[in-house]
């Protein structure tokens, strides 16, 4: 996503761009890639708008107006996302649309089935190997590493440098499940919400697809009594789902076998510094700031990266070193804040949405937002429904939480004082 979007943005500015992609061309080989569905929010939509793609991309989305929580007793609880909401889109559909838009520029081309195996950061030069085994080297003006959380470009760029790199895996992983379309060709659950099954140490969530199906992600610990390691047979899987996700049993045919046949994926976040080298190499997207996917912001943040890098190159057309430095300074604080918020939202999704105290805090957020309009805004709304920088959103949310906690403490003191006076009468 990051590479295709950036190629489009730079192509529009007149740069000559070649994208080398290790996977096949998705326009020709519609191979299913296991992936959580992507969530387009306002900042992603604004980025697409700047490139004239908003209308074209939104043909492929399913709007989600809020979150539907599935309780263990099969009851449901809905909470709204507020103005804007989130648009669910499948990775394949978005990738194809971005590639087609980018290649409409004569100065942008894609080379598929080609893997980067190393770079020389000082020339700069990049070494590639095709699926057929052909090796070759290219020598561009600037190399952009948009090659994901396990970036080859990052590894070689930081070699022999005083670079910081932190990689963290959660103790949880995930497997994909698929809820097929109903016999009538329609969705078998509400089709305009994000479905969530929070169960403490485990959870599951589902996004609606245009074809009437749902893409589900089942998140479990790797070890423990209710973990991937404990699920050795189809009966084990059915027992787990009967206990934790009983309403899903009726929606996924042969769930035991299907679940065991799926690969298990890890959840990783990365932080690194610096993101660039001598005006010749730069990282964007997951290559420099992969985050846990629980705020649905990875793609939106990558689009913001693309615009910021394009704007920086435009601001310093004759000084790539200054351009890449500007890009890094402006994005790094925000992606660090996004990493923290994504971690915190994981805990909320799998557990604390069931907590009465947290539900009360969310209810206060809604009341105060309506009463104070945009002077008070829940964190999720700031992240999802605005283009407010992530770092600013996080700081504002922390201030608002301190205000709520102080108000609660004051009310507690007042209530205790009233009880004491009554007792002393």
Protein backbone atom coordinates (compact mmCIF):
# COMPACT_ATOMS: atom_id res chain seq x y z
CA UNK A 1 0.00 0.00 0.00
CA UNK A 2 2.73 2.46 0.98
CA UNK A 3 4.82 1.91 -2.15
CA UNK A 4 1.94 2.10 -4.62
CA UNK A 5 0.52 5.23 -2.99
CA UNK A 6 3.91 6.97 -2.89
CA UNK A 7 4.61 6.05 -6.52
CA UNK A 8 1.33 7.68 -7.48
CA UNK A 9 2.10 10.84 -5.46
CA UNK A 10 5.65 11.19 -6.84
CA UNK A 11 4.55 10.40 -10.37
CA UNK A 12 2.07 13.27 -10.18
CA UNK A 13 4.97 15.56 -9.24
CA UNK A 14 6.90 14.54 -12.35
CA UNK A 15 9.39 12.13 -10.77
CA UNK A 16 10.33 8.96 -12.63
CA UNK A 17 9.44 6.05 -10.33
CA UNK A 18 9.99 2.30 -10.59
CA UNK A 19 8.38 0.03 -8.00
CA UNK A 20 9.94 -3.41 -7.49
CA UNK A 21 7.49 -5.82 -5.87
CA UNK A 22 8.29 -9.37 -4.78
CA UNK A 23 4.68 -10.57 -5.21
CA UNK A 24 2.92 -11.27 -8.52
CA UNK A 25 0.86 -8.59 -10.24
CA UNK A 26 -2.51 -8.65 -8.39
CA UNK A 27 -4.27 -7.43 -11.54
CA UNK A 28 -3.30 -10.68 -13.28
CA UNK A 29 -3.00 -13.17 -10.43
CA UNK A 30 -5.90 -12.65 -8.04
CA UNK A 31 -4.31 -14.89 -5.42
CA UNK A 32 -5.87 -14.66 -1.97
CA UNK A 33 -3.50 -13.07 0.52
CA UNK A 34 -4.34 -13.68 4.16
CA UNK A 35 -4.79 -10.25 5.67
CA UNK A 36 -6.95 -8.44 8.13
CA UNK A 37 -9.27 -6.19 6.17
CA UNK A 38 -8.09 -2.61 5.98
CA UNK A 39 -9.96 0.30 7.55
CA UNK A 40 -10.07 3.59 5.68
CA UNK A 41 -10.67 6.55 7.97
CA UNK A 42 -10.80 10.29 7.40
CA UNK A 43 -7.03 10.84 7.20
CA UNK A 44 -6.71 8.10 4.57
CA UNK A 45 -9.66 9.49 2.65
CA UNK A 46 -8.15 12.98 2.70
CA UNK A 47 -4.88 11.59 1.36
CA UNK A 48 -6.75 9.88 -1.49
CA UNK A 49 -8.69 13.08 -2.10
CA UNK A 50 -5.46 15.00 -2.66
CA UNK A 51 -4.56 12.57 -5.41
CA UNK A 52 -8.04 12.62 -6.91
CA UNK A 53 -8.74 9.00 -5.98
CA UNK A 54 -11.34 9.23 -3.23
CA UNK A 55 -14.36 8.49 -5.40
CA UNK A 56 -12.59 5.70 -7.28
CA UNK A 57 -11.47 3.93 -4.10
CA UNK A 58 -14.74 4.27 -2.20
CA UNK A 59 -16.48 2.14 -4.81
CA UNK A 60 -14.76 -0.81 -3.14
CA UNK A 61 -15.64 -0.08 0.50
CA UNK A 62 -18.28 -1.16 3.01
CA UNK A 63 -19.10 1.61 5.53
CA UNK A 64 -19.00 0.67 9.22
CA UNK A 65 -20.94 3.11 11.39
CA UNK A 66 -19.91 1.62 14.72
CA UNK A 67 -18.90 -1.39 16.78
CA UNK A 68 -21.21 -4.33 17.53
CA UNK A 69 -20.08 -6.25 20.61
CA UNK A 70 -21.14 -9.92 20.77
CA UNK A 71 -21.47 -11.11 24.36
CA UNK A 72 -21.06 -14.75 25.40
CA UNK A 73 -24.79 -15.05 26.07
CA UNK A 74 -25.37 -14.07 22.39
CA UNK A 75 -26.71 -10.63 23.32
CA UNK A 76 -25.46 -7.62 21.34
CA UNK A 77 -24.36 -4.11 22.28
CA UNK A 78 -23.79 -1.34 19.73
CA UNK A 79 -21.63 1.77 20.06
CA UNK A 80 -21.33 4.36 17.32
CA UNK A 81 -18.12 5.60 15.73
CA UNK A 82 -19.71 9.01 15.35
CA UNK A 83 -19.45 11.23 12.33
CA UNK A 84 -17.44 9.63 9.54
CA UNK A 85 -16.97 6.07 10.78
CA UNK A 86 -14.61 3.58 9.16
CA UNK A 87 -14.73 2.09 5.67
CA UNK A 88 -13.77 -1.58 5.35
CA UNK A 89 -11.85 -2.48 2.21
CA UNK A 90 -10.04 -5.65 1.17
CA UNK A 91 -6.31 -5.36 0.61
CA UNK A 92 -6.47 -6.86 -2.88
CA UNK A 93 -9.10 -4.38 -4.10
CA UNK A 94 -7.20 -1.37 -2.77
CA UNK A 95 -3.87 -2.61 -4.11
CA UNK A 96 -5.24 -3.10 -7.61
CA UNK A 97 -6.89 0.33 -7.62
CA UNK A 98 -3.68 2.08 -6.49
CA UNK A 99 -1.51 0.26 -9.03
CA UNK A 100 -3.91 1.05 -11.88
CA UNK A 101 -4.02 4.71 -10.86
CA UNK A 102 -0.24 4.96 -10.57
CA UNK A 103 0.45 3.31 -13.92
CA UNK A 104 -1.78 5.81 -15.68
CA UNK A 105 1.25 8.10 -15.29
CA UNK A 106 3.78 7.40 -18.05
CA UNK A 107 6.66 7.98 -15.63
CA UNK A 108 5.61 5.24 -13.15
CA UNK A 109 6.14 1.52 -13.74
CA UNK A 110 5.88 -1.64 -11.65
CA UNK A 111 8.15 -4.68 -11.83
CA UNK A 112 6.59 -7.74 -10.16
CA UNK A 113 7.98 -11.09 -8.99
CA UNK A 114 11.22 -9.31 -8.10
CA UNK A 115 12.82 -9.42 -4.66
CA UNK A 116 15.22 -6.90 -3.16
CA UNK A 117 18.21 -8.72 -1.66
CA UNK A 118 20.38 -5.78 -0.63
CA UNK A 119 21.32 -2.15 -1.18
CA UNK A 120 24.46 -0.02 -1.26
CA UNK A 121 23.30 3.00 0.71
CA UNK A 122 26.17 5.26 -0.36
CA UNK A 123 25.94 4.94 -4.17
CA UNK A 124 22.95 4.34 -3.86
CA UNK A 125 22.21 1.03 -5.58
CA UNK A 126 19.72 -1.78 -5.06
CA UNK A 127 20.21 -5.47 -5.88
CA UNK A 128 17.29 -7.62 -7.05
CA UNK A 129 16.57 -11.22 -7.97
CA UNK A 130 13.58 -12.25 -10.09
CA UNK A 131 11.49 -15.36 -9.52
CA UNK A 132 13.31 -16.94 -12.47
CA UNK A 133 16.67 -16.37 -10.73
CA UNK A 134 17.90 -13.42 -12.79
CA UNK A 135 19.98 -10.98 -10.70
CA UNK A 136 20.43 -7.30 -11.53
CA UNK A 137 21.28 -3.94 -9.94
CA UNK A 138 19.69 -0.52 -10.33
CA UNK A 139 21.24 2.85 -9.43
CA UNK A 140 18.50 5.43 -8.75
CA UNK A 141 18.83 8.88 -7.23
CA UNK A 142 16.90 7.83 -4.11
CA UNK A 143 15.89 4.40 -2.79
CA UNK A 144 12.62 4.26 -0.84
CA UNK A 145 12.18 1.21 1.38
CA UNK A 146 8.45 0.48 1.52
CA UNK A 147 9.12 -3.22 2.08
CA UNK A 148 7.33 -3.86 5.34
CA UNK A 149 8.09 -4.71 8.95
CA UNK A 150 10.98 -7.03 8.03
CA UNK A 151 12.48 -4.55 5.58
CA UNK A 152 15.60 -5.56 3.65
CA UNK A 153 16.26 -1.91 2.83
CA UNK A 154 16.20 -0.96 6.52
CA UNK A 155 18.57 -3.81 7.43
CA UNK A 156 21.18 -2.73 4.89
CA UNK A 157 20.69 1.01 5.41
CA UNK A 158 21.40 0.69 9.14
CA UNK A 159 24.37 -1.67 8.81
CA UNK A 160 27.47 -0.18 10.53
CA UNK A 161 25.42 2.84 11.64
CA UNK A 162 24.52 4.05 15.12
CA UNK A 163 20.90 3.15 14.50
CA UNK A 164 18.24 2.28 17.05
CA UNK A 165 15.87 -0.57 16.31
CA UNK A 166 13.21 -2.06 18.55
CA UNK A 167 10.97 -4.95 17.55
CA UNK A 168 8.28 -6.34 19.81
CA UNK A 169 5.99 -9.32 19.31
CA UNK A 170 2.77 -9.78 21.23
CA UNK A 171 2.12 -13.03 23.07
CA UNK A 172 -0.94 -13.33 20.85
CA UNK A 173 -1.26 -14.29 17.20
CA UNK A 174 -4.19 -14.52 14.79
CA UNK A 175 -5.80 -16.77 12.23
CA UNK A 176 -8.21 -15.83 9.50
CA UNK A 177 -11.73 -17.22 9.23
CA UNK A 178 -14.34 -16.56 6.58
CA UNK A 179 -18.10 -16.23 7.10
CA UNK A 180 -19.64 -17.00 3.71
CA UNK A 181 -22.51 -15.16 2.08
CA UNK A 182 -26.00 -16.30 3.04
CA UNK A 183 -28.19 -18.41 0.75
CA UNK A 184 -30.01 -15.23 -0.28
CA UNK A 185 -26.72 -13.61 -1.32
CA UNK A 186 -26.73 -11.22 1.64
CA UNK A 187 -24.70 -10.77 4.81
CA UNK A 188 -25.64 -13.10 7.66
CA UNK A 189 -24.98 -10.43 10.32
CA UNK A 190 -25.38 -6.66 10.35
CA UNK A 191 -23.44 -5.42 7.34
CA UNK A 192 -22.68 -1.86 8.45
CA UNK A 193 -20.71 -2.42 11.66
CA UNK A 194 -17.42 -3.77 12.95
CA UNK A 195 -18.22 -7.01 14.81
CA UNK A 196 -16.26 -7.72 17.99
CA UNK A 197 -16.21 -10.70 20.36
CA UNK A 198 -14.10 -9.56 23.39
CA UNK A 199 -13.19 -12.37 25.78
CA UNK A 200 -10.31 -11.18 27.95
CA UNK A 201 -7.31 -13.24 26.87
CA UNK A 202 -8.91 -13.96 23.49
CA UNK A 203 -11.06 -12.11 21.01
CA UNK A 204 -12.40 -12.23 17.49
CA UNK A 205 -13.50 -9.52 15.11
CA UNK A 206 -15.07 -9.40 11.65
CA UNK A 207 -15.29 -6.89 8.79
CA UNK A 208 -18.05 -6.97 6.16
CA UNK A 209 -17.13 -7.50 2.50
CA UNK A 210 -18.94 -6.24 -0.59
CA UNK A 211 -19.86 -9.76 -1.72
CA UNK A 212 -21.93 -10.47 1.42
CA UNK A 213 -19.22 -12.35 3.30
CA UNK A 214 -17.16 -11.40 6.35
CA UNK A 215 -13.41 -11.61 6.91
CA UNK A 216 -12.75 -12.61 10.52
CA UNK A 217 -9.62 -12.55 12.63
CA UNK A 218 -9.40 -14.84 15.65
CA UNK A 219 -6.81 -13.59 18.16
CA UNK A 220 -5.49 -16.10 20.72
CA UNK A 221 -2.40 -16.45 22.91
CA UNK A 222 0.29 -18.74 21.54
CA UNK A 223 0.47 -20.65 24.84
CA UNK A 224 -1.95 -21.42 27.65
CA UNK A 225 -5.21 -23.28 28.26
CA UNK A 226 -7.10 -21.34 25.59
CA UNK A 227 -4.37 -20.89 23.02
CA UNK A 228 -3.20 -22.01 19.61
CA UNK A 229 -0.97 -24.59 21.29
CA UNK A 230 -3.96 -26.12 23.08
CA UNK A 231 -6.05 -26.55 19.92
CA UNK A 232 -4.86 -29.87 18.52
CA UNK A 233 -8.06 -31.30 17.04
CA UNK A 234 -11.27 -30.15 15.41
CA UNK A 235 -13.10 -31.07 18.62
CA UNK A 236 -10.79 -28.78 20.61
CA UNK A 237 -11.63 -25.89 18.26
CA UNK A 238 -15.38 -26.53 18.42
CA UNK A 239 -15.27 -26.72 22.20
CA UNK A 240 -13.45 -23.40 22.39
CA UNK A 241 -15.89 -21.69 20.05
CA UNK A 242 -18.91 -23.21 21.80
CA UNK A 243 -17.63 -21.72 25.05
CA UNK A 244 -16.39 -18.31 23.85
CA UNK A 245 -17.97 -17.57 20.46
CA UNK A 246 -21.16 -19.69 20.34
CA UNK A 247 -22.88 -17.60 17.65
CA UNK A 248 -19.94 -18.10 15.28
CA UNK A 249 -20.36 -21.88 15.19
CA UNK A 250 -23.48 -21.49 13.06
CA UNK A 251 -21.75 -19.10 10.64
CA UNK A 252 -18.53 -20.92 9.68
CA UNK A 253 -19.06 -24.36 8.10
CA UNK A 254 -16.77 -27.13 9.41
CA UNK A 255 -15.08 -24.62 11.70
CA UNK A 256 -12.78 -27.14 13.40
CA UNK A 257 -11.05 -28.29 10.24
CA UNK A 258 -11.04 -24.83 8.66
CA UNK A 259 -9.44 -23.26 11.73
CA UNK A 260 -6.69 -25.88 11.99
CA UNK A 261 -5.86 -25.56 8.28
CA UNK A 262 -5.16 -21.82 8.61
CA UNK A 263 -1.64 -20.49 9.25
CA UNK A 264 -0.97 -18.54 12.44
CA UNK A 265 0.32 -14.99 12.03
CA UNK A 266 2.37 -12.99 14.49
CA UNK A 267 1.61 -9.47 15.70
CA UNK A 268 4.63 -7.17 15.66
CA UNK A 269 5.42 -3.52 16.16
CA UNK A 270 8.71 -1.85 15.20
CA UNK A 271 10.39 1.43 15.99
CA UNK A 272 13.61 2.59 14.47
CA UNK A 273 15.79 5.64 14.05
CA UNK A 274 16.90 7.15 11.74
CA UNK A 275 14.61 6.58 8.75
CA UNK A 276 17.01 7.98 6.15
CA UNK A 277 20.63 8.09 5.04
CA UNK A 278 22.49 10.97 3.41
CA UNK A 279 19.61 12.00 1.13
CA UNK A 280 19.93 8.68 -0.75
CA UNK A 281 17.78 6.16 1.15
CA UNK A 282 14.54 6.59 3.11
CA UNK A 283 12.00 4.30 4.77
CA UNK A 284 8.22 4.67 4.86
CA UNK A 285 5.25 2.74 6.23
CA UNK A 286 5.80 -0.51 8.11
CA UNK A 287 9.49 -0.48 7.19
CA UNK A 288 10.03 2.20 9.84
CA UNK A 289 6.93 2.12 12.06
CA UNK A 290 4.91 -1.10 11.90
CA UNK A 291 2.13 -0.98 14.51
CA UNK A 292 -0.31 -3.47 15.97
CA UNK A 293 -3.43 -3.41 13.77
CA UNK A 294 -5.99 -2.68 16.48
CA UNK A 295 -6.68 0.96 15.61
CA UNK A 296 -6.97 0.24 11.87
CA UNK A 297 -4.45 3.01 11.17
CA UNK A 298 -1.45 1.30 9.57
CA UNK A 299 -2.57 2.00 6.02
CA UNK A 300 -3.84 5.50 6.85
CA UNK A 301 -0.50 6.33 8.46
CA UNK A 302 1.34 4.99 5.40
CA UNK A 303 -0.71 7.26 3.14
CA UNK A 304 0.18 10.22 5.36
CA UNK A 305 3.82 9.17 5.05
CA UNK A 306 3.50 9.26 1.28
CA UNK A 307 2.06 12.77 1.22
CA UNK A 308 4.60 14.07 3.74
CA UNK A 309 7.53 12.62 1.79
CA UNK A 310 6.19 14.00 -1.50
CA UNK A 311 5.66 17.42 0.12
CA UNK A 312 9.18 17.37 1.60
CA UNK A 313 10.75 16.56 -1.78
CA UNK A 314 8.72 19.38 -3.28
CA UNK A 315 9.85 21.79 -0.55
CA UNK A 316 13.53 20.94 -1.19
CA UNK A 317 13.68 19.94 -4.87
CA UNK A 318 17.46 20.37 -5.08
CA UNK A 319 18.37 19.10 -1.62
CA UNK A 320 17.21 15.50 -0.99
CA UNK A 321 19.15 15.37 2.28
CA UNK A 322 17.09 18.25 3.68
CA UNK A 323 13.89 16.78 2.23
CA UNK A 324 14.35 13.39 3.87
CA UNK A 325 15.35 14.98 7.15
CA UNK A 326 12.21 17.14 7.12
CA UNK A 327 10.05 14.09 6.42
CA UNK A 328 11.55 12.19 9.35
CA UNK A 329 11.21 15.08 11.83
CA UNK A 330 7.57 15.64 10.96
CA UNK A 331 6.45 12.00 10.98
CA UNK A 332 8.46 10.27 13.71
CA UNK A 333 6.64 11.78 16.77
CA UNK A 334 3.29 10.92 15.25
CA UNK A 335 4.06 7.32 14.40
CA UNK A 336 5.53 6.79 17.88
CA UNK A 337 2.25 8.07 19.33
CA UNK A 338 0.29 5.78 17.00
CA UNK A 339 2.27 2.77 18.22
CA UNK A 340 1.36 3.52 21.83
CA UNK A 341 -2.32 4.09 21.03
CA UNK A 342 -2.51 0.87 19.00
CA UNK A 343 -1.10 -1.12 21.91
CA UNK A 344 -3.56 0.44 24.34
CA UNK A 345 -6.51 -0.16 22.03
CA UNK A 346 -5.65 -3.86 21.82
CA UNK A 347 -6.18 -4.15 25.58
CA UNK A 348 -9.45 -2.23 25.29
CA UNK A 349 -10.79 -4.34 22.43
CA UNK A 350 -10.12 -7.73 23.99
CA UNK A 351 -11.05 -6.92 27.57
CA UNK A 352 -11.91 -3.49 28.87
CA UNK A 353 -14.90 -2.91 26.56
CA UNK A 354 -16.57 -5.31 29.01
CA UNK A 355 -15.53 -3.22 32.04
CA UNK A 356 -18.32 -1.09 33.59
CA UNK A 357 -15.77 1.58 34.58
CA UNK A 358 -14.45 1.92 31.04
CA UNK A 359 -17.98 1.87 29.61
CA UNK A 360 -18.84 4.71 32.00
CA UNK A 361 -15.79 6.65 30.81
CA UNK A 362 -16.85 6.11 27.19
CA UNK A 363 -20.37 7.29 28.03
CA UNK A 364 -18.96 10.45 29.64
CA UNK A 365 -16.89 11.04 26.49
CA UNK A 366 -20.05 10.87 24.35
CA UNK A 367 -22.01 13.23 26.63
CA UNK A 368 -19.18 15.75 26.86
CA UNK A 369 -18.59 15.64 23.11
CA UNK A 370 -22.23 16.54 22.48
CA UNK A 371 -22.26 19.22 25.17
CA UNK A 372 -18.93 20.83 24.35
CA UNK A 373 -18.88 20.06 20.63
CA UNK A 374 -15.33 19.94 19.28
CA UNK A 375 -13.80 21.23 22.51
CA UNK A 376 -14.09 17.64 23.78
CA UNK A 377 -13.55 14.63 21.55
CA UNK A 378 -13.02 10.92 22.33
CA UNK A 379 -9.64 9.55 21.29
CA UNK A 380 -11.12 7.14 18.75
CA UNK A 381 -12.95 10.04 17.08
CA UNK A 382 -9.77 12.13 16.95
CA UNK A 383 -7.86 9.27 15.33
CA UNK A 384 -10.64 8.10 13.01
CA UNK A 385 -12.71 11.14 12.08
CA UNK A 386 -10.06 13.87 11.83
CA UNK A 387 -6.62 14.47 10.36
CA UNK A 388 -5.28 15.73 13.70
CA UNK A 389 -1.64 14.61 14.08
CA UNK A 390 -1.45 11.41 16.09
CA UNK A 391 0.82 12.96 18.73
CA UNK A 392 -1.62 15.85 19.28
CA UNK A 393 -4.55 13.42 19.54
CA UNK A 394 -2.76 11.34 22.15
CA UNK A 395 -1.81 14.36 24.26
CA UNK A 396 -5.34 15.78 24.10
CA UNK A 397 -6.83 12.40 25.09
CA UNK A 398 -4.46 12.17 28.08
CA UNK A 399 -5.51 15.66 29.23
CA UNK A 400 -9.18 14.76 28.90
CA UNK A 401 -8.66 11.56 30.90
CA UNK A 402 -6.97 13.50 33.70
CA UNK A 403 -9.93 15.89 33.78
CA UNK A 404 -12.39 12.99 34.06
CA UNK A 405 -10.35 11.33 36.79
CA UNK A 406 -10.13 14.59 38.76
CA UNK A 407 -13.88 15.12 38.39
CA UNK A 408 -14.58 11.58 39.57
CA UNK A 409 -12.29 12.03 42.58
CA UNK A 410 -13.99 15.32 43.48
CA UNK A 411 -17.44 13.77 43.27
CA UNK A 412 -16.23 10.90 45.42
CA UNK A 413 -14.99 13.31 48.11
CA UNK A 414 -18.24 15.29 48.03
CA UNK A 415 -20.31 12.10 48.31
CA UNK A 416 -18.15 10.82 51.18
CA UNK A 417 -18.48 14.16 52.98
CA UNK A 418 -22.26 14.06 52.67
CA UNK A 419 -22.40 10.57 54.10
CA UNK A 420 -20.12 11.55 56.98
CA UNK A 421 -22.30 14.56 57.90
CA UNK A 422 -25.39 12.35 57.87
CA UNK A 423 -23.68 9.81 60.09
CA UNK A 424 -22.61 12.49 62.65
CA UNK A 425 -26.07 14.02 63.03
